[in-house]
Amino acid sequence: MIAPVTDADSQVPLPVGMMTSRQLARRARLIETVIALVAESGTTSIQMRDVTDRSGVALGTVYRYFRSKDHLLAAAFAEWQGKLTRRIVSSRRDENEDSLPLVRDFLRRVLQAFDRAPGMAVLMMQMTASSDPDVQQLIEQGSSGFDVAFDHLLAAEPRDDVSYIRLAIGCVLVDAVNRMSNGRATFQETLPQVEGVADILLSTRGRRSASSRKSRSQRTPA
């Protein structure tokens, strides 16, 4: 029988899939501690000692789960973001249900979440700009979760259109969060802008069907 991996087995971060239940619980406690600290004081003042003191996890143990402070911060953001998208994906919906009200509701929830936790908006911008491979992997996982959530919301749309709609709304949403994070816009200002883009993309007038787009791409100049 293979013995379970313990904290003393290695000085490098353990893969999540190899952690015991106790290690997973400890890792989750670290992540929830960081989420709370970011909500309270932002990201710039967070020190690893603050995390260990509040979580009760020894500093040496932290580095068994996370390679660096940025790795831990990225994991905290990924978990916080994941709660938003998992709630959407787990909801049931009729494939023929109009997508627009669902998308508008999702966008409102996302912007509200960042408005209530402005430190997370700053953290998202910091992590997105990071060249750390551990951070990049977590950010990519978060982006994948966002894509899955939008695929769920856009189930009634032509499949060839979904990726374009998702890309456009995603870009506008990130821009809105960025402007909120640096004080250039408020939630009340960004929400109608993001919703307006969704309205255009998902309205009958603004959305090209897959067949019309194909016809246009095949059209040759006279």
Protein backbone atom coordinates (compact mmCIF):
# COMPACT_ATOMS: atom_id res chain seq x y z
CA MET A 1 0.00 0.00 0.00
CA ILE A 2 1.28 3.48 -0.91
CA ALA A 3 1.54 5.72 2.12
CA PRO A 4 -0.31 9.06 1.88
CA VAL A 5 1.80 12.11 1.20
CA THR A 6 2.46 14.13 4.34
CA ASP A 7 3.80 17.63 4.95
CA ALA A 8 7.24 16.25 5.76
CA ASP A 9 7.59 14.36 2.52
CA SER A 10 8.61 17.28 0.33
CA GLN A 11 9.62 20.91 0.36
CA VAL A 12 7.93 21.67 -2.97
CA PRO A 13 4.21 22.40 -3.36
CA LEU A 14 2.11 19.28 -3.32
CA PRO A 15 -0.30 18.73 -6.22
CA VAL A 16 -3.86 19.19 -4.99
CA GLY A 17 -4.77 15.73 -6.25
CA MET A 18 -2.18 14.16 -3.96
CA MET A 19 -3.24 15.94 -0.77
CA THR A 20 -4.91 14.19 2.13
CA SER A 21 -8.23 15.44 3.50
CA ARG A 22 -6.40 17.23 6.32
CA GLN A 23 -4.06 18.92 3.87
CA LEU A 24 -6.96 19.98 1.67
CA ALA A 25 -8.73 21.46 4.69
CA ARG A 26 -5.57 23.33 5.68
CA ARG A 27 -5.13 24.62 2.14
CA ALA A 28 -8.76 25.77 2.06
CA ARG A 29 -8.28 27.57 5.38
CA LEU A 30 -5.31 29.47 3.94
CA ILE A 31 -7.31 30.49 0.88
CA GLU A 32 -10.32 31.65 2.91
CA THR A 33 -7.98 33.63 5.16
CA VAL A 34 -6.50 35.46 2.18
CA ILE A 35 -9.98 36.19 0.79
CA ALA A 36 -10.95 37.73 4.13
CA LEU A 37 -7.74 39.78 4.31
CA VAL A 38 -8.16 41.10 0.78
CA ALA A 39 -11.73 42.12 1.60
CA GLU A 40 -10.56 43.94 4.72
CA SER A 41 -7.41 45.71 3.58
CA GLY A 42 -6.69 45.06 -0.10
CA THR A 43 -3.66 43.28 -1.45
CA THR A 44 -0.69 45.56 -0.87
CA SER A 45 -0.63 45.25 2.92
CA ILE A 46 -1.01 41.47 3.10
CA GLN A 47 2.03 39.72 4.55
CA MET A 48 2.52 35.99 4.85
CA ARG A 49 2.79 36.43 8.60
CA ASP A 50 -0.73 37.87 8.62
CA VAL A 51 -1.98 34.78 6.80
CA THR A 52 -0.24 32.34 9.13
CA ASP A 53 -1.30 34.17 12.30
CA ARG A 54 -4.97 34.23 11.34
CA SER A 55 -5.16 30.78 9.76
CA GLY A 56 -3.10 29.01 12.40
CA VAL A 57 -1.01 27.35 9.68
CA ALA A 58 2.76 27.47 10.12
CA LEU A 59 4.74 29.44 7.54
CA GLY A 60 6.78 26.38 6.54
CA THR A 61 3.57 24.49 5.89
CA VAL A 62 2.20 27.27 3.68
CA TYR A 63 5.09 26.75 1.28
CA ARG A 64 4.25 23.06 1.06
CA TYR A 65 1.01 24.10 -0.66
CA PHE A 66 1.99 27.32 -2.44
CA ARG A 67 5.27 28.17 -4.10
CA SER A 68 5.03 31.89 -3.38
CA LYS A 69 2.82 34.62 -1.97
CA ASP A 70 1.54 35.38 -5.48
CA HIS A 71 0.68 31.71 -5.94
CA LEU A 72 -1.43 31.84 -2.77
CA LEU A 73 -3.07 35.13 -3.80
CA ALA A 74 -3.92 33.68 -7.21
CA ALA A 75 -5.44 30.58 -5.61
CA ALA A 76 -7.56 32.82 -3.38
CA PHE A 77 -8.80 34.82 -6.36
CA ALA A 78 -9.51 31.64 -8.34
CA GLU A 79 -11.62 30.27 -5.47
CA TRP A 80 -13.49 33.56 -5.03
CA GLN A 81 -14.17 33.78 -8.76
CA GLY A 82 -15.09 30.11 -8.93
CA LYS A 83 -17.91 30.59 -6.44
CA LEU A 84 -19.56 33.02 -8.87
CA THR A 85 -19.30 30.76 -11.90
CA ARG A 86 -20.13 27.49 -10.11
CA ARG A 87 -23.40 28.99 -8.91
CA ILE A 88 -24.35 29.71 -12.52
CA VAL A 89 -23.30 26.34 -13.93
CA SER A 90 -25.17 24.43 -11.23
CA SER A 91 -28.45 26.21 -11.98
CA ARG A 92 -30.97 24.46 -14.20
CA ARG A 93 -32.29 26.16 -17.32
CA ASP A 94 -34.40 25.47 -20.37
CA GLU A 95 -32.28 25.41 -23.54
CA ASN A 96 -35.00 27.44 -25.28
CA GLU A 97 -35.05 30.10 -22.55
CA ASP A 98 -34.12 33.62 -23.64
CA SER A 99 -30.41 34.16 -22.95
CA LEU A 100 -30.47 37.92 -22.47
CA PRO A 101 -32.15 38.11 -19.02
CA LEU A 102 -29.83 35.36 -17.76
CA VAL A 103 -26.71 37.10 -19.06
CA ARG A 104 -27.81 40.47 -17.67
CA ASP A 105 -28.39 38.90 -14.26
CA PHE A 106 -24.98 37.21 -14.33
CA LEU A 107 -23.20 40.44 -15.31
CA ARG A 108 -24.95 42.31 -12.52
CA ARG A 109 -23.92 39.68 -9.98
CA VAL A 110 -20.30 39.74 -11.15
CA LEU A 111 -20.00 43.53 -11.05
CA GLN A 112 -21.75 43.65 -7.67
CA ALA A 113 -19.28 41.11 -6.30
CA PHE A 114 -16.32 43.21 -7.42
CA ASP A 115 -18.01 46.37 -6.14
CA ARG A 116 -18.42 44.81 -2.69
CA ALA A 117 -14.86 43.47 -2.72
CA PRO A 118 -12.78 46.09 -4.57
CA GLY A 119 -9.60 44.39 -3.42
CA MET A 120 -10.50 41.44 -5.61
CA ALA A 121 -10.70 43.70 -8.66
CA VAL A 122 -7.18 44.97 -7.93
CA LEU A 123 -6.01 41.42 -7.31
CA MET A 124 -7.44 40.25 -10.64
CA MET A 125 -5.49 42.93 -12.51
CA GLN A 126 -2.29 42.08 -10.64
CA MET A 127 -2.62 38.37 -11.24
CA THR A 128 -3.54 38.77 -14.91
CA ALA A 129 -0.32 40.73 -15.48
CA SER A 130 1.85 38.18 -13.66
CA SER A 131 4.39 36.07 -15.53
CA ASP A 132 4.52 33.47 -12.73
CA PRO A 133 3.58 30.09 -14.29
CA ASP A 134 1.69 29.00 -11.15
CA VAL A 135 -0.35 32.19 -11.25
CA GLN A 136 -0.96 31.92 -15.00
CA GLN A 137 -2.26 28.37 -14.61
CA LEU A 138 -4.79 29.46 -11.98
CA ILE A 139 -5.89 32.46 -14.04
CA GLU A 140 -6.41 30.19 -17.05
CA GLN A 141 -8.50 27.85 -14.92
CA GLY A 142 -10.61 30.80 -13.86
CA SER A 143 -11.06 31.86 -17.48
CA SER A 144 -12.16 28.34 -18.36
CA GLY A 145 -14.75 28.46 -15.60
CA PHE A 146 -16.03 31.77 -16.97
CA ASP A 147 -16.32 30.22 -20.44
CA VAL A 148 -18.27 27.25 -19.06
CA ALA A 149 -20.66 29.60 -17.25
CA PHE A 150 -21.29 31.60 -20.39
CA ASP A 151 -21.79 28.47 -22.48
CA HIS A 152 -24.47 27.48 -19.97
CA LEU A 153 -26.14 30.89 -20.17
CA LEU A 154 -25.96 30.98 -23.96
CA ALA A 155 -27.38 27.51 -24.54
CA ALA A 156 -30.18 28.92 -26.71
CA GLU A 157 -27.82 30.81 -29.03
CA PRO A 158 -26.43 29.46 -32.33
CA ARG A 159 -23.31 27.52 -31.39
CA ASP A 160 -21.20 29.32 -34.00
CA ASP A 161 -22.07 32.64 -32.35
CA VAL A 162 -21.37 31.72 -28.73
CA SER A 163 -17.60 32.13 -28.77
CA TYR A 164 -17.86 35.60 -30.32
CA ILE A 165 -20.55 36.73 -27.88
CA ARG A 166 -18.56 35.37 -24.95
CA LEU A 167 -15.37 37.08 -26.11
CA ALA A 168 -17.02 40.46 -26.63
CA ILE A 169 -18.87 40.46 -23.31
CA GLY A 170 -15.80 39.16 -21.49
CA CYS A 171 -13.61 41.98 -22.83
CA VAL A 172 -16.16 44.61 -21.85
CA LEU A 173 -16.60 43.06 -18.42
CA VAL A 174 -12.86 42.99 -17.70
CA ASP A 175 -12.58 46.61 -18.82
CA ALA A 176 -15.42 47.56 -16.47
CA VAL A 177 -13.78 45.79 -13.54
CA ASN A 178 -10.48 47.46 -14.36
CA ARG A 179 -12.06 50.92 -14.36
CA MET A 180 -13.84 50.17 -11.10
CA SER A 181 -10.60 48.96 -9.51
CA ASN A 182 -8.72 52.20 -10.19
CA GLY A 183 -11.59 54.51 -9.35
CA ARG A 184 -12.35 55.66 -12.89
CA ALA A 185 -15.91 54.31 -12.83
CA THR A 186 -18.51 53.14 -10.35
CA PHE A 187 -20.77 50.12 -10.35
CA GLN A 188 -23.70 52.36 -11.25
CA GLU A 189 -21.81 53.62 -14.29
CA THR A 190 -20.39 50.34 -15.57
CA LEU A 191 -23.49 48.15 -15.19
CA PRO A 192 -25.62 49.85 -17.88
CA GLN A 193 -22.61 49.93 -20.20
CA VAL A 194 -21.95 46.21 -19.88
CA GLU A 195 -25.65 45.40 -20.07
CA GLY A 196 -25.95 47.62 -23.16
CA VAL A 197 -23.31 45.58 -24.97
CA ALA A 198 -25.10 42.37 -24.02
CA ASP A 199 -28.39 43.83 -25.28
CA ILE A 200 -26.86 44.59 -28.69
CA LEU A 201 -25.13 41.22 -29.01
CA LEU A 202 -28.13 39.18 -27.94
CA SER A 203 -30.96 41.16 -29.53
CA THR A 204 -32.49 39.97 -32.78
CA ARG A 205 -31.30 43.13 -34.52
CA GLY A 206 -27.73 42.98 -33.25
CA ARG A 207 -27.02 39.27 -33.57
CA ARG A 208 -26.11 37.76 -36.91
CA SER A 209 -27.24 34.21 -37.31
CA ALA A 210 -24.71 31.55 -38.21
CA SER A 211 -26.31 31.17 -41.63
CA SER A 212 -26.17 34.88 -42.48
CA ARG A 213 -22.54 35.11 -41.41
CA LYS A 214 -21.66 32.12 -43.56
CA SER A 215 -23.46 33.68 -46.51
CA ARG A 216 -21.55 36.93 -46.07
CA SER A 217 -18.18 35.18 -45.81
CA GLN A 218 -18.85 33.35 -49.05
CA ARG A 219 -19.98 36.42 -50.95
CA THR A 220 -17.47 37.61 -53.58
CA PRO A 221 -17.12 41.18 -54.90
CA ALA A 222 -18.94 41.91 -58.14
